[in-house]
């Protein structure tokens, strides 16, 4: 028996189709295909992704297992309680809504704009029941039937790894399986291979291609942050990947935009960029780092634009230390404090070798995805308009 495990998709149906085409010859009756979750959000076509997965389940002569990701978990929370908005505000949920109905996505945006901060402070509802009405019943059933883990003689598959006190996967909590521990698999000493996703920042770029994290007893195959989908064939441990729509090796600096996000979370920033008009999303490669140390180790060569959030440091020293290291065309600063952004501007001016396109501050970014000034700045960066 063989197993093929496929990582996080995040609405990227083109990458899914490419990858399935590449591995079609090994999908035999004896092959179990396991998907690790996070099928939805961020990318432009969640509906298309789920449609294709349901087709695969009908086509494939072997077994297909679909695991739950943290994105599906939070979508379900919003569908069951219309006052819970974490999925929408911090996980790229608007892209999912838009894939089912552009009109409904506009309804959500208009409601969010009208209610403003009261949406959170007063726990106001949003019309998630309308989203449920737009979703085919097969899609709703798909979400309800997602599994928390899959285990066979070759591996344990979960969305986000295992906990520090792991004894058996049956005893793991939903939280540990769907959200994980950022230090996994460093503390894992089990003999059985663990295949997981969720942590796209664990991948490293080699000649423009994201390479999964591979250790003796664990493999992280989430490369979605770079627009690439990865499959792992077991027991051979062979890797197959989709490719960018435009091969990195032939793209010029003007064509391929590397977006470096220095922040503890990257969902809201990605969502802003995905909503920009006239931006070829296939030419945008995201790299996310939650510490300056991880950024330094990655040795990023001239990113096109850097999003920097002072939340990482909570003091001015972080900005002063990192600015000289950012060889970028544009620098966008997000901070809840204007003084922090003013400090950033002063530090940036000291670095003649850094061309600063824009330094911008916006309050509560996750609650203001439609901020017109922010959109103007980002359009100027990406489209020159």
Protein backbone atom coordinates (compact mmCIF):
# COMPACT_ATOMS: atom_id res chain seq x y z
CA UNK A 1 0.00 0.00 0.00
CA UNK A 2 1.18 3.51 -0.82
CA UNK A 3 0.27 6.87 0.67
CA UNK A 4 0.31 10.31 -0.95
CA UNK A 5 -0.03 13.26 1.43
CA UNK A 6 -0.88 16.73 0.07
CA UNK A 7 -0.32 19.97 1.96
CA UNK A 8 -2.27 23.19 2.53
CA UNK A 9 -4.06 24.54 -0.58
CA UNK A 10 -5.64 27.85 0.56
CA UNK A 11 -7.90 28.47 -2.41
CA UNK A 12 -5.18 27.91 -5.00
CA UNK A 13 -7.09 25.68 -7.39
CA UNK A 14 -4.56 26.18 -10.21
CA UNK A 15 -1.75 24.74 -8.08
CA UNK A 16 -4.03 21.86 -7.07
CA UNK A 17 -4.80 20.98 -10.68
CA UNK A 18 -1.14 21.16 -11.66
CA UNK A 19 -0.07 18.94 -8.78
CA UNK A 20 -2.78 16.33 -9.35
CA UNK A 21 -1.74 16.18 -12.99
CA UNK A 22 1.86 15.56 -11.99
CA UNK A 23 1.05 12.70 -9.61
CA UNK A 24 -1.84 11.12 -11.52
CA UNK A 25 0.23 8.10 -12.58
CA UNK A 26 0.88 7.06 -8.97
CA UNK A 27 -2.75 7.40 -7.85
CA UNK A 28 -3.64 3.73 -8.19
CA UNK A 29 -6.24 1.58 -6.47
CA UNK A 30 -3.62 0.77 -3.81
CA UNK A 31 -2.89 4.43 -3.04
CA UNK A 32 -4.44 6.34 -0.14
CA UNK A 33 -4.48 10.10 -0.71
CA UNK A 34 -4.46 12.26 2.43
CA UNK A 35 -5.07 16.01 2.40
CA UNK A 36 -3.84 17.93 5.44
CA UNK A 37 -6.49 20.66 5.64
CA UNK A 38 -6.63 24.43 5.03
CA UNK A 39 -8.38 24.11 1.69
CA UNK A 40 -10.01 27.51 2.09
CA UNK A 41 -9.20 31.24 2.50
CA UNK A 42 -6.47 33.59 1.28
CA UNK A 43 -6.41 32.34 -2.31
CA UNK A 44 -8.97 33.32 -4.94
CA UNK A 45 -10.97 30.11 -5.50
CA UNK A 46 -11.99 28.14 -2.42
CA UNK A 47 -15.16 26.95 -4.16
CA UNK A 48 -13.12 25.62 -7.08
CA UNK A 49 -10.77 23.81 -4.69
CA UNK A 50 -13.56 21.98 -2.90
CA UNK A 51 -15.26 21.16 -6.20
CA UNK A 52 -12.03 19.58 -7.45
CA UNK A 53 -11.49 17.64 -4.22
CA UNK A 54 -14.99 16.19 -4.41
CA UNK A 55 -14.34 15.21 -8.03
CA UNK A 56 -11.12 13.49 -6.99
CA UNK A 57 -12.96 11.50 -4.33
CA UNK A 58 -15.27 10.17 -7.06
CA UNK A 59 -12.49 9.55 -9.60
CA UNK A 60 -9.86 7.91 -7.41
CA UNK A 61 -10.18 4.14 -7.14
CA UNK A 62 -8.40 4.09 -3.79
CA UNK A 63 -9.15 5.88 -0.53
CA UNK A 64 -9.17 9.68 -0.14
CA UNK A 65 -8.97 11.15 3.38
CA UNK A 66 -9.60 14.82 4.11
CA UNK A 67 -8.25 16.27 7.37
CA UNK A 68 -9.45 19.44 9.04
CA UNK A 69 -7.31 22.57 9.23
CA UNK A 70 -7.60 25.51 11.60
CA UNK A 71 -9.13 27.60 8.79
CA UNK A 72 -12.00 25.16 8.36
CA UNK A 73 -12.45 25.06 12.13
CA UNK A 74 -12.89 28.82 12.36
CA UNK A 75 -15.18 28.99 9.33
CA UNK A 76 -17.44 26.45 11.02
CA UNK A 77 -17.45 28.55 14.20
CA UNK A 78 -18.69 31.56 12.22
CA UNK A 79 -21.33 29.47 10.45
CA UNK A 80 -22.65 28.25 13.80
CA UNK A 81 -22.38 31.58 15.67
CA UNK A 82 -22.87 34.75 13.62
CA UNK A 83 -21.14 36.92 16.25
CA UNK A 84 -17.78 35.12 15.89
CA UNK A 85 -15.62 36.94 13.33
CA UNK A 86 -12.05 35.72 13.92
CA UNK A 87 -12.21 33.66 10.73
CA UNK A 88 -13.30 36.62 8.64
CA UNK A 89 -11.00 39.26 10.13
CA UNK A 90 -7.74 37.36 10.48
CA UNK A 91 -7.78 34.37 8.13
CA UNK A 92 -8.61 35.65 4.67
CA UNK A 93 -12.27 34.67 4.88
CA UNK A 94 -13.47 37.38 2.50
CA UNK A 95 -11.69 35.60 -0.35
CA UNK A 96 -13.67 32.46 0.47
CA UNK A 97 -16.97 34.34 0.52
CA UNK A 98 -16.13 36.01 -2.80
CA UNK A 99 -15.49 32.63 -4.43
CA UNK A 100 -19.11 31.67 -3.67
CA UNK A 101 -20.71 35.05 -4.36
CA UNK A 102 -19.13 38.41 -5.25
CA UNK A 103 -22.38 40.14 -4.26
CA UNK A 104 -22.38 38.49 -0.84
CA UNK A 105 -18.75 39.46 -0.29
CA UNK A 106 -19.74 43.07 -1.02
CA UNK A 107 -22.58 42.74 1.47
CA UNK A 108 -20.10 41.63 4.13
CA UNK A 109 -17.73 44.47 3.33
CA UNK A 110 -20.49 47.07 3.41
CA UNK A 111 -21.75 45.75 6.74
CA UNK A 112 -18.26 45.73 8.22
CA UNK A 113 -17.63 49.28 7.02
CA UNK A 114 -20.92 50.48 8.44
CA UNK A 115 -20.52 48.85 11.87
CA UNK A 116 -16.79 49.57 12.26
CA UNK A 117 -15.16 48.70 15.62
CA UNK A 118 -18.61 48.03 17.13
CA UNK A 119 -18.62 44.76 15.18
CA UNK A 120 -16.15 43.40 17.72
CA UNK A 121 -16.82 45.55 20.77
CA UNK A 122 -20.57 44.91 20.75
CA UNK A 123 -20.40 41.40 19.27
CA UNK A 124 -22.63 42.32 16.34
CA UNK A 125 -23.66 39.57 13.92
CA UNK A 126 -22.72 39.22 10.25
CA UNK A 127 -24.89 37.31 7.74
CA UNK A 128 -23.03 34.01 7.76
CA UNK A 129 -26.38 32.30 7.19
CA UNK A 130 -26.36 33.85 3.71
CA UNK A 131 -22.96 32.30 3.09
CA UNK A 132 -24.32 28.93 4.19
CA UNK A 133 -27.17 29.38 1.71
CA UNK A 134 -24.66 30.06 -1.10
CA UNK A 135 -22.55 27.00 -0.35
CA UNK A 136 -23.59 23.76 -2.07
CA UNK A 137 -24.82 21.13 0.37
CA UNK A 138 -21.95 18.87 -0.74
CA UNK A 139 -19.50 21.56 0.42
CA UNK A 140 -21.17 21.88 3.81
CA UNK A 141 -21.13 18.10 4.19
CA UNK A 142 -17.45 18.10 3.19
CA UNK A 143 -16.65 20.49 6.06
CA UNK A 144 -18.65 18.46 8.56
CA UNK A 145 -16.95 15.20 7.60
CA UNK A 146 -13.33 16.37 7.93
CA UNK A 147 -11.12 14.18 10.13
CA UNK A 148 -8.63 15.30 12.76
CA UNK A 149 -5.88 12.84 11.85
CA UNK A 150 -4.92 9.84 9.75
CA UNK A 151 -2.52 7.08 10.79
CA UNK A 152 -1.22 3.97 9.05
CA UNK A 153 1.89 1.79 9.26
CA UNK A 154 4.03 4.43 7.54
CA UNK A 155 3.02 7.72 9.13
CA UNK A 156 0.84 9.90 11.30
CA UNK A 157 -0.80 12.74 9.36
CA UNK A 158 -2.17 15.82 11.12
CA UNK A 159 -2.70 19.42 10.12
CA UNK A 160 -0.24 20.99 12.56
CA UNK A 161 1.91 18.28 14.15
CA UNK A 162 1.73 16.83 17.66
CA UNK A 163 1.86 18.18 21.21
CA UNK A 164 4.84 18.05 23.56
CA UNK A 165 3.16 15.43 25.77
CA UNK A 166 2.25 13.16 22.85
CA UNK A 167 1.56 9.52 23.67
CA UNK A 168 -0.89 8.54 20.93
CA UNK A 169 -2.67 10.52 18.24
CA UNK A 170 -6.05 9.39 19.57
CA UNK A 171 -5.36 11.26 22.81
CA UNK A 172 -4.35 14.53 21.15
CA UNK A 173 -6.67 17.52 21.53
CA UNK A 174 -8.27 19.25 18.57
CA UNK A 175 -6.30 22.38 19.47
CA UNK A 176 -2.93 20.61 19.31
CA UNK A 177 -3.75 18.90 16.01
CA UNK A 178 -5.13 21.99 14.26
CA UNK A 179 -2.97 24.81 15.70
CA UNK A 180 0.20 22.98 16.73
CA UNK A 181 3.35 24.16 18.46
CA UNK A 182 5.80 26.36 16.54
CA UNK A 183 8.71 24.33 17.95
CA UNK A 184 7.45 21.06 16.49
CA UNK A 185 9.15 18.77 15.45
CA UNK A 186 12.24 19.71 17.49
CA UNK A 187 10.87 18.02 20.62
CA UNK A 188 9.33 14.99 18.90
CA UNK A 189 11.16 11.74 19.65
CA UNK A 190 8.71 9.21 18.28
CA UNK A 191 9.81 6.61 15.75
CA UNK A 192 6.85 6.96 13.39
CA UNK A 193 7.06 9.64 10.71
CA UNK A 194 4.76 12.64 11.25
CA UNK A 195 3.60 14.48 8.11
CA UNK A 196 2.04 17.88 8.80
CA UNK A 197 1.31 21.29 7.30
CA UNK A 198 0.10 24.59 8.80
CA UNK A 199 3.59 26.13 9.15
CA UNK A 200 4.43 27.45 5.68
CA UNK A 201 7.26 29.51 7.15
CA UNK A 202 9.16 26.29 7.90
CA UNK A 203 9.80 25.91 4.16
CA UNK A 204 12.99 27.44 2.79
CA UNK A 205 13.55 28.87 -0.66
CA UNK A 206 16.17 27.18 -2.84
CA UNK A 207 16.59 28.89 -6.21
CA UNK A 208 13.14 30.37 -5.82
CA UNK A 209 11.46 27.05 -5.00
CA UNK A 210 10.13 26.38 -1.46
CA UNK A 211 11.60 23.20 0.01
CA UNK A 212 9.67 21.38 2.75
CA UNK A 213 11.18 20.95 6.19
CA UNK A 214 12.48 17.37 6.43
CA UNK A 215 13.83 15.73 9.59
CA UNK A 216 14.40 12.11 10.49
CA UNK A 217 10.91 11.63 11.90
CA UNK A 218 8.85 14.57 10.58
CA UNK A 219 8.14 16.37 7.31
CA UNK A 220 6.27 19.69 6.97
CA UNK A 221 4.80 19.95 3.47
CA UNK A 222 3.05 23.33 3.76
CA UNK A 223 4.57 25.48 1.01
CA UNK A 224 1.38 27.45 0.33
CA UNK A 225 2.96 30.71 1.50
CA UNK A 226 5.00 30.68 -1.71
CA UNK A 227 2.10 29.78 -3.99
CA UNK A 228 3.28 26.19 -4.38
CA UNK A 229 1.47 22.99 -3.42
CA UNK A 230 3.49 19.98 -2.23
CA UNK A 231 2.76 16.24 -2.22
CA UNK A 232 4.73 13.54 -0.38
CA UNK A 233 4.77 9.93 -1.61
CA UNK A 234 5.28 7.29 1.06
CA UNK A 235 7.04 5.07 1.93
CA UNK A 236 9.53 6.31 -0.69
CA UNK A 237 9.52 9.88 0.72
CA UNK A 238 9.42 11.39 -2.75
CA UNK A 239 8.35 15.01 -3.14
CA UNK A 240 6.25 16.42 -5.99
CA UNK A 241 5.29 20.08 -6.34
CA UNK A 242 3.16 22.34 -8.46
CA UNK A 243 5.00 25.24 -10.04
CA UNK A 244 4.39 28.95 -10.19
CA UNK A 245 2.37 29.98 -13.22
CA UNK A 246 5.43 31.87 -14.44
CA UNK A 247 8.68 29.96 -13.75
CA UNK A 248 10.78 31.85 -11.24
CA UNK A 249 13.96 31.35 -13.25
CA UNK A 250 12.66 33.38 -16.20
CA UNK A 251 10.96 36.15 -14.24
CA UNK A 252 12.56 39.54 -14.04
CA UNK A 253 12.64 41.64 -10.90
CA UNK A 254 9.73 43.66 -12.28
CA UNK A 255 7.65 40.52 -12.87
CA UNK A 256 8.19 38.58 -9.66
CA UNK A 257 7.41 40.47 -6.48
CA UNK A 258 8.65 38.93 -3.27
CA UNK A 259 6.62 40.20 -0.35
CA UNK A 260 8.39 39.82 2.97
CA UNK A 261 6.12 40.08 5.99
CA UNK A 262 7.77 40.62 9.36
CA UNK A 263 4.98 40.10 11.84
CA UNK A 264 3.65 37.54 14.30
CA UNK A 265 0.76 36.78 11.90
CA UNK A 266 0.45 37.33 8.17
CA UNK A 267 -3.19 36.59 7.35
CA UNK A 268 -4.51 40.16 7.31
CA UNK A 269 -1.67 41.53 5.19
CA UNK A 270 -2.08 38.75 2.63
CA UNK A 271 -5.78 39.46 2.46
CA UNK A 272 -5.18 43.14 1.72
CA UNK A 273 -2.87 42.25 -1.15
CA UNK A 274 -5.19 39.59 -2.57
CA UNK A 275 -7.98 42.18 -2.70
CA UNK A 276 -5.94 44.66 -4.74
CA UNK A 277 -7.25 45.12 -8.28
CA UNK A 278 -5.07 44.38 -11.30
CA UNK A 279 -2.42 42.46 -9.40
CA UNK A 280 -1.29 39.14 -10.87
CA UNK A 281 -1.40 37.01 -7.73
CA UNK A 282 0.72 34.34 -9.43
CA UNK A 283 3.59 36.82 -9.60
CA UNK A 284 3.49 37.52 -5.85
CA UNK A 285 5.58 35.26 -3.62
CA UNK A 286 4.98 35.64 0.12
CA UNK A 287 7.68 35.06 2.72
CA UNK A 288 6.59 35.39 6.32
CA UNK A 289 8.93 35.64 9.33
CA UNK A 290 7.83 35.99 12.93
CA UNK A 291 11.28 36.84 14.30
CA UNK A 292 14.12 38.92 12.97
CA UNK A 293 16.42 35.93 13.58
CA UNK A 294 14.46 33.75 11.16
CA UNK A 295 14.56 36.55 8.58
CA UNK A 296 18.33 36.85 8.86
CA UNK A 297 18.83 33.10 8.47
CA UNK A 298 16.76 33.06 5.29
CA UNK A 299 19.17 35.42 3.47
CA UNK A 300 16.43 37.01 1.37
CA UNK A 301 17.90 38.74 -1.68
CA UNK A 302 16.35 42.12 -2.42
CA UNK A 303 12.65 41.74 -1.62
CA UNK A 304 10.34 43.96 -3.60
CA UNK A 305 8.37 45.15 -0.59
CA UNK A 306 8.64 44.54 3.13
CA UNK A 307 5.75 44.79 5.55
CA UNK A 308 7.08 45.50 9.02
CA UNK A 309 5.09 45.38 12.25
CA UNK A 310 6.62 46.69 15.46
CA UNK A 311 4.45 44.28 17.41
CA UNK A 312 7.38 41.88 17.38
CA UNK A 313 9.52 44.11 19.54
CA UNK A 314 7.28 46.54 21.38
CA UNK A 315 10.15 49.00 21.41
CA UNK A 316 12.08 51.23 19.02
CA UNK A 317 15.23 49.15 18.98
CA UNK A 318 13.74 46.59 16.62
CA UNK A 319 13.18 49.12 13.84
CA UNK A 320 16.58 50.67 14.32
CA UNK A 321 18.27 47.27 14.10
CA UNK A 322 16.42 45.79 11.16
CA UNK A 323 16.14 48.70 8.71
CA UNK A 324 19.81 48.56 7.58
CA UNK A 325 19.29 44.90 6.65
CA UNK A 326 16.25 45.45 4.42
CA UNK A 327 17.42 45.70 0.81
CA UNK A 328 14.00 46.48 -0.62
CA UNK A 329 12.24 48.67 -3.14
CA UNK A 330 9.45 49.59 -0.76
CA UNK A 331 9.01 49.47 2.98
CA UNK A 332 5.55 49.54 4.55
CA UNK A 333 5.38 50.02 8.30
CA UNK A 334 2.34 49.05 10.31
CA UNK A 335 2.09 50.10 13.93
CA UNK A 336 -0.67 51.09 16.32
CA UNK A 337 1.49 54.01 17.46
CA UNK A 338 2.24 56.93 15.16
CA UNK A 339 5.47 57.67 17.04
CA UNK A 340 6.79 54.26 16.05
CA UNK A 341 6.22 54.97 12.37
CA UNK A 342 7.74 58.42 12.70
CA UNK A 343 10.78 56.78 14.27
CA UNK A 344 10.90 54.34 11.34
CA UNK A 345 10.98 57.22 8.86
CA UNK A 346 13.90 58.85 10.65
CA UNK A 347 15.86 55.61 10.74
CA UNK A 348 15.14 54.89 7.08
CA UNK A 349 16.45 58.25 5.94
CA UNK A 350 19.81 57.42 7.50
CA UNK A 351 20.24 54.48 5.12
CA UNK A 352 21.13 55.89 1.71
CA UNK A 353 21.37 52.44 0.18
CA UNK A 354 17.73 51.69 0.99
CA UNK A 355 15.13 53.15 -1.33
CA UNK A 356 12.04 53.82 0.77
CA UNK A 357 8.91 53.94 -1.31
CA UNK A 358 6.32 54.29 1.43
CA UNK A 359 6.09 54.20 5.19
CA UNK A 360 2.54 53.86 6.37
CA UNK A 361 0.70 53.41 9.64
CA UNK A 362 -2.80 52.01 10.02
CA UNK A 363 -4.78 51.34 13.18
CA UNK A 364 -6.18 47.85 13.66
CA UNK A 365 -5.36 46.56 10.21
CA UNK A 366 -7.47 43.42 10.61
CA UNK A 367 -10.57 45.54 11.15
CA UNK A 368 -9.88 47.95 8.27
CA UNK A 369 -9.24 45.91 5.15
CA UNK A 370 -11.06 48.56 3.11
CA UNK A 371 -9.00 51.52 4.36
CA UNK A 372 -8.85 53.72 1.22
CA UNK A 373 -5.50 55.32 2.07
CA UNK A 374 -3.94 51.91 2.58
CA UNK A 375 -5.29 50.69 -0.75
CA UNK A 376 -3.88 53.77 -2.46
CA UNK A 377 -0.43 53.09 -1.04
CA UNK A 378 -0.48 49.42 -2.00
CA UNK A 379 -1.78 50.15 -5.49
CA UNK A 380 1.06 52.61 -5.94
CA UNK A 381 3.56 49.96 -4.88
CA UNK A 382 2.19 47.09 -6.97
CA UNK A 383 0.70 48.88 -9.96
CA UNK A 384 2.49 52.22 -10.05
CA UNK A 385 -0.85 54.02 -10.00
